[in-house]
């Protein structure tokens, strides 16, 4: 089985399957994080060379099943996986954690993408907690009148922003510490993707508690095909495939 990973759910699924002698799991990581979490079983790092490259890999490695547990905001790989599996005749399942529901007291401003979020910011705040990830910072580079707090897992090679502070930390993050962080840096708004899960939800709860607006970037469209939201559902699908 090929497990497209890079998320906590993927690592947890690999650990769950580690003791099942019927399944040889190959976890695939994009390689964007220099120090990924430990994952049991076989691990490969790097891209496949597009849809055709992935289809060739599936055939060469005699992959029987594929589970796509990439991040909800992975825009390319889910579609490449769907097309490659269709070419190779490999059953595919998407493991996609549910998005965060908006709750009473949340002040969310919907954004269809990074560019929309950047265009909305000048009318919302001057001190912003930007939590979209290092690869997305270019979209906000033109906002020279805004100060950004950026939290990353690893030290960045460069930051394309004019006024900012970087803090290095790895989740999970809890609401109490997030409230203290937002107060310490006098944050006026949060920019976030609706990633779902509990690891980074603390910032959303903290913004709600402090009455701060959140510019919430919507998820990209997903390819057609079967999808589940939990590791248990993944295991059930696998057992059904194994008969």
Protein backbone atom coordinates (compact mmCIF):
# COMPACT_ATOMS: atom_id res chain seq x y z
CA UNK A 1 0.00 0.00 0.00
CA UNK A 2 1.22 3.48 -0.86
CA UNK A 3 0.34 6.04 1.82
CA UNK A 4 0.66 9.65 0.67
CA UNK A 5 1.51 11.37 3.92
CA UNK A 6 2.91 14.43 5.57
CA UNK A 7 0.05 14.77 8.06
CA UNK A 8 -0.50 13.57 11.59
CA UNK A 9 -3.29 11.31 10.37
CA UNK A 10 -0.94 9.63 7.89
CA UNK A 11 1.66 8.95 10.57
CA UNK A 12 -1.01 7.62 12.93
CA UNK A 13 -2.38 5.36 10.20
CA UNK A 14 1.10 4.00 9.43
CA UNK A 15 1.56 3.26 13.13
CA UNK A 16 -1.85 1.58 13.28
CA UNK A 17 -0.96 -0.72 10.38
CA UNK A 18 2.61 -1.44 11.49
CA UNK A 19 1.63 -4.73 13.15
CA UNK A 20 -0.52 -6.02 10.28
CA UNK A 21 1.56 -8.58 8.36
CA UNK A 22 -0.90 -8.49 5.46
CA UNK A 23 -0.05 -4.90 4.53
CA UNK A 24 3.34 -3.57 3.44
CA UNK A 25 2.99 0.19 3.89
CA UNK A 26 5.18 2.63 1.95
CA UNK A 27 4.77 6.15 3.35
CA UNK A 28 5.54 8.90 0.86
CA UNK A 29 6.63 12.36 2.04
CA UNK A 30 7.06 15.42 -0.14
CA UNK A 31 10.28 16.35 1.68
CA UNK A 32 9.33 19.93 2.57
CA UNK A 33 10.10 19.40 6.26
CA UNK A 34 13.74 18.69 7.06
CA UNK A 35 12.92 16.95 10.36
CA UNK A 36 9.66 15.01 9.89
CA UNK A 37 8.16 12.98 12.68
CA UNK A 38 9.22 9.34 12.95
CA UNK A 39 7.04 7.04 10.85
CA UNK A 40 7.07 3.24 11.19
CA UNK A 41 7.64 1.12 8.12
CA UNK A 42 9.12 2.01 4.75
CA UNK A 43 9.41 5.72 3.92
CA UNK A 44 10.23 7.45 0.61
CA UNK A 45 10.84 11.16 0.20
CA UNK A 46 10.37 13.41 -2.82
CA UNK A 47 8.04 13.79 -5.76
CA UNK A 48 7.05 11.25 -8.40
CA UNK A 49 7.40 13.41 -11.50
CA UNK A 50 3.74 14.23 -12.03
CA UNK A 51 0.77 12.03 -12.74
CA UNK A 52 2.55 9.80 -15.24
CA UNK A 53 5.51 9.37 -12.90
CA UNK A 54 3.21 8.32 -10.09
CA UNK A 55 1.39 5.86 -12.38
CA UNK A 56 4.73 4.33 -13.35
CA UNK A 57 5.73 4.09 -9.68
CA UNK A 58 2.48 2.30 -8.83
CA UNK A 59 3.19 -0.25 -11.55
CA UNK A 60 6.89 -0.66 -10.79
CA UNK A 61 6.30 -1.18 -7.06
CA UNK A 62 3.24 -3.38 -7.66
CA UNK A 63 1.10 -1.16 -5.47
CA UNK A 64 -2.31 -2.72 -4.77
CA UNK A 65 -3.92 0.12 -2.80
CA UNK A 66 -3.35 3.84 -2.29
CA UNK A 67 -4.49 6.05 0.56
CA UNK A 68 -4.12 9.79 0.05
CA UNK A 69 -3.67 11.33 3.51
CA UNK A 70 -2.02 14.54 2.32
CA UNK A 71 -2.94 17.91 3.81
CA UNK A 72 -6.43 19.30 3.10
CA UNK A 73 -4.73 22.19 1.25
CA UNK A 74 -2.56 20.00 -0.95
CA UNK A 75 -3.75 21.35 -4.28
CA UNK A 76 -1.87 19.12 -6.74
CA UNK A 77 -1.19 15.68 -5.28
CA UNK A 78 -4.81 14.58 -4.65
CA UNK A 79 -5.68 15.17 -8.32
CA UNK A 80 -2.46 13.53 -9.53
CA UNK A 81 -3.16 10.54 -7.31
CA UNK A 82 -6.71 10.22 -8.60
CA UNK A 83 -5.55 10.30 -12.23
CA UNK A 84 -2.59 7.97 -11.65
CA UNK A 85 -4.73 5.42 -9.82
CA UNK A 86 -7.28 5.53 -12.64
CA UNK A 87 -4.49 4.87 -15.15
CA UNK A 88 -2.98 2.04 -13.11
CA UNK A 89 -6.27 0.50 -11.93
CA UNK A 90 -5.33 0.95 -8.26
CA UNK A 91 -8.13 1.50 -5.71
CA UNK A 92 -7.74 4.88 -3.97
CA UNK A 93 -9.14 6.35 -0.77
CA UNK A 94 -8.89 9.97 0.38
CA UNK A 95 -8.41 10.50 4.12
CA UNK A 96 -9.55 14.07 4.67
CA UNK A 97 -10.05 15.38 8.17
CA UNK A 98 -13.25 17.41 8.61
CA UNK A 99 -13.00 21.18 8.48
CA UNK A 100 -13.64 23.33 11.56
CA UNK A 101 -17.27 24.41 11.89
CA UNK A 102 -17.92 28.06 12.61
CA UNK A 103 -19.23 28.46 16.13
CA UNK A 104 -21.20 31.14 17.92
CA UNK A 105 -18.83 33.98 18.73
CA UNK A 106 -16.53 33.31 15.77
CA UNK A 107 -15.92 36.30 13.53
CA UNK A 108 -14.82 34.71 10.27
CA UNK A 109 -14.19 36.45 6.98
CA UNK A 110 -14.31 33.95 4.13
CA UNK A 111 -11.50 34.05 1.54
CA UNK A 112 -11.46 31.89 -1.57
CA UNK A 113 -7.65 31.88 -1.69
CA UNK A 114 -4.43 33.55 -0.58
CA UNK A 115 -4.82 36.50 -2.94
CA UNK A 116 -8.30 37.21 -1.64
CA UNK A 117 -7.09 37.02 1.95
CA UNK A 118 -4.26 39.45 1.22
CA UNK A 119 -6.64 41.88 -0.47
CA UNK A 120 -8.96 41.81 2.55
CA UNK A 121 -6.31 42.36 5.22
CA UNK A 122 -5.68 46.14 4.93
CA UNK A 123 -9.31 46.83 5.88
CA UNK A 124 -9.18 44.42 8.83
CA UNK A 125 -5.98 44.84 10.87
CA UNK A 126 -2.42 46.21 11.08
CA UNK A 127 -0.97 43.49 13.33
CA UNK A 128 -1.70 40.02 12.02
CA UNK A 129 -0.99 36.43 13.07
CA UNK A 130 -0.30 34.80 9.69
CA UNK A 131 -0.54 31.01 9.98
CA UNK A 132 -0.75 29.79 6.39
CA UNK A 133 2.81 28.38 6.19
CA UNK A 134 6.10 29.54 4.72
CA UNK A 135 5.26 28.57 1.14
CA UNK A 136 2.34 31.01 1.08
CA UNK A 137 4.06 34.15 2.34
CA UNK A 138 4.69 35.63 -1.12
CA UNK A 139 0.97 36.37 -1.44
CA UNK A 140 1.29 38.91 1.40
CA UNK A 141 4.60 40.52 0.37
CA UNK A 142 2.97 43.68 -0.98
CA UNK A 143 1.36 44.52 2.37
CA UNK A 144 4.16 46.76 3.62
CA UNK A 145 1.95 48.59 6.13
CA UNK A 146 1.07 45.43 8.06
CA UNK A 147 3.16 43.73 10.76
CA UNK A 148 3.04 39.94 10.73
CA UNK A 149 3.65 37.32 13.39
CA UNK A 150 4.65 34.08 11.66
CA UNK A 151 4.97 30.68 13.33
CA UNK A 152 7.00 27.99 11.56
CA UNK A 153 8.27 24.54 12.42
CA UNK A 154 11.76 25.14 10.97
CA UNK A 155 13.91 28.26 10.41
CA UNK A 156 13.02 29.85 7.06
CA UNK A 157 15.52 30.41 4.27
CA UNK A 158 14.01 33.84 3.61
CA UNK A 159 10.91 35.88 4.41
CA UNK A 160 9.43 38.08 1.66
CA UNK A 161 7.68 40.42 4.12
CA UNK A 162 8.82 43.85 5.29
CA UNK A 163 7.61 43.93 8.90
CA UNK A 164 7.44 40.62 10.75
CA UNK A 165 8.60 38.39 13.58
CA UNK A 166 9.16 34.64 13.25
CA UNK A 167 8.65 32.21 16.09
CA UNK A 168 9.58 28.53 15.82
CA UNK A 169 7.29 25.97 17.42
CA UNK A 170 5.51 22.71 16.70
CA UNK A 171 1.94 21.94 17.77
CA UNK A 172 -0.35 20.99 19.25
CA UNK A 173 -1.24 24.46 20.48
CA UNK A 174 -3.81 25.09 23.19
CA UNK A 175 -6.25 27.98 23.50
CA UNK A 176 -4.77 29.35 26.75
CA UNK A 177 -1.24 29.68 25.36
CA UNK A 178 -2.57 31.03 22.07
CA UNK A 179 -4.51 33.75 23.90
CA UNK A 180 -1.32 34.73 25.72
CA UNK A 181 0.58 34.81 22.42
CA UNK A 182 -2.00 37.01 20.70
CA UNK A 183 -2.08 39.40 23.64
CA UNK A 184 1.72 39.56 23.90
CA UNK A 185 2.05 40.61 20.26
CA UNK A 186 -1.06 42.81 20.23
CA UNK A 187 -2.56 40.83 17.37
CA UNK A 188 -5.66 42.32 15.76
CA UNK A 189 -6.58 39.51 13.33
CA UNK A 190 -5.65 35.95 12.39
CA UNK A 191 -5.21 34.55 8.88
CA UNK A 192 -5.74 30.80 8.76
CA UNK A 193 -6.55 27.89 6.52
CA UNK A 194 -9.44 25.71 7.64
CA UNK A 195 -7.12 22.76 8.23
CA UNK A 196 -9.34 20.93 10.69
CA UNK A 197 -8.05 18.72 13.48
CA UNK A 198 -7.08 19.63 17.01
CA UNK A 199 -3.35 20.42 16.66
CA UNK A 200 -3.80 24.04 15.53
CA UNK A 201 -7.39 24.75 16.58
CA UNK A 202 -6.17 26.67 19.63
CA UNK A 203 -5.62 29.84 17.59
CA UNK A 204 -9.24 29.74 16.38
CA UNK A 205 -10.56 29.29 19.91
CA UNK A 206 -8.23 32.06 21.11
CA UNK A 207 -9.45 34.47 18.44
CA UNK A 208 -13.03 33.72 19.42
CA UNK A 209 -12.23 34.29 23.08
CA UNK A 210 -10.58 37.65 22.34
CA UNK A 211 -13.19 38.75 19.83
CA UNK A 212 -10.69 38.91 16.95
CA UNK A 213 -11.59 38.42 13.29
CA UNK A 214 -10.23 35.41 11.42
CA UNK A 215 -9.73 35.53 7.68
CA UNK A 216 -10.48 31.90 6.88
CA UNK A 217 -9.13 30.58 3.59
CA UNK A 218 -11.42 27.99 2.05
CA UNK A 219 -10.19 24.53 1.09
CA UNK A 220 -9.31 23.74 -2.52
CA UNK A 221 -11.63 21.43 -4.46
CA UNK A 222 -11.02 17.71 -4.12
CA UNK A 223 -11.09 15.10 -6.91
CA UNK A 224 -14.04 12.79 -7.21
CA UNK A 225 -13.80 9.49 -5.41
CA UNK A 226 -14.37 7.83 -2.07
CA UNK A 227 -13.27 9.84 0.95
CA UNK A 228 -13.38 9.25 4.70
CA UNK A 229 -12.67 11.45 7.70
CA UNK A 230 -11.17 9.08 10.26
CA UNK A 231 -8.40 6.52 10.63
CA UNK A 232 -10.96 3.93 11.76
CA UNK A 233 -12.82 4.39 8.48
CA UNK A 234 -9.54 3.94 6.59
CA UNK A 235 -8.87 0.67 8.38
CA UNK A 236 -12.39 -0.54 7.63
CA UNK A 237 -11.86 0.26 3.93
CA UNK A 238 -8.58 -1.62 3.94
CA UNK A 239 -10.13 -4.65 5.57
CA UNK A 240 -12.87 -4.63 2.95
CA UNK A 241 -10.26 -4.45 0.19
CA UNK A 242 -8.39 -7.37 1.75
CA UNK A 243 -11.56 -9.42 1.97
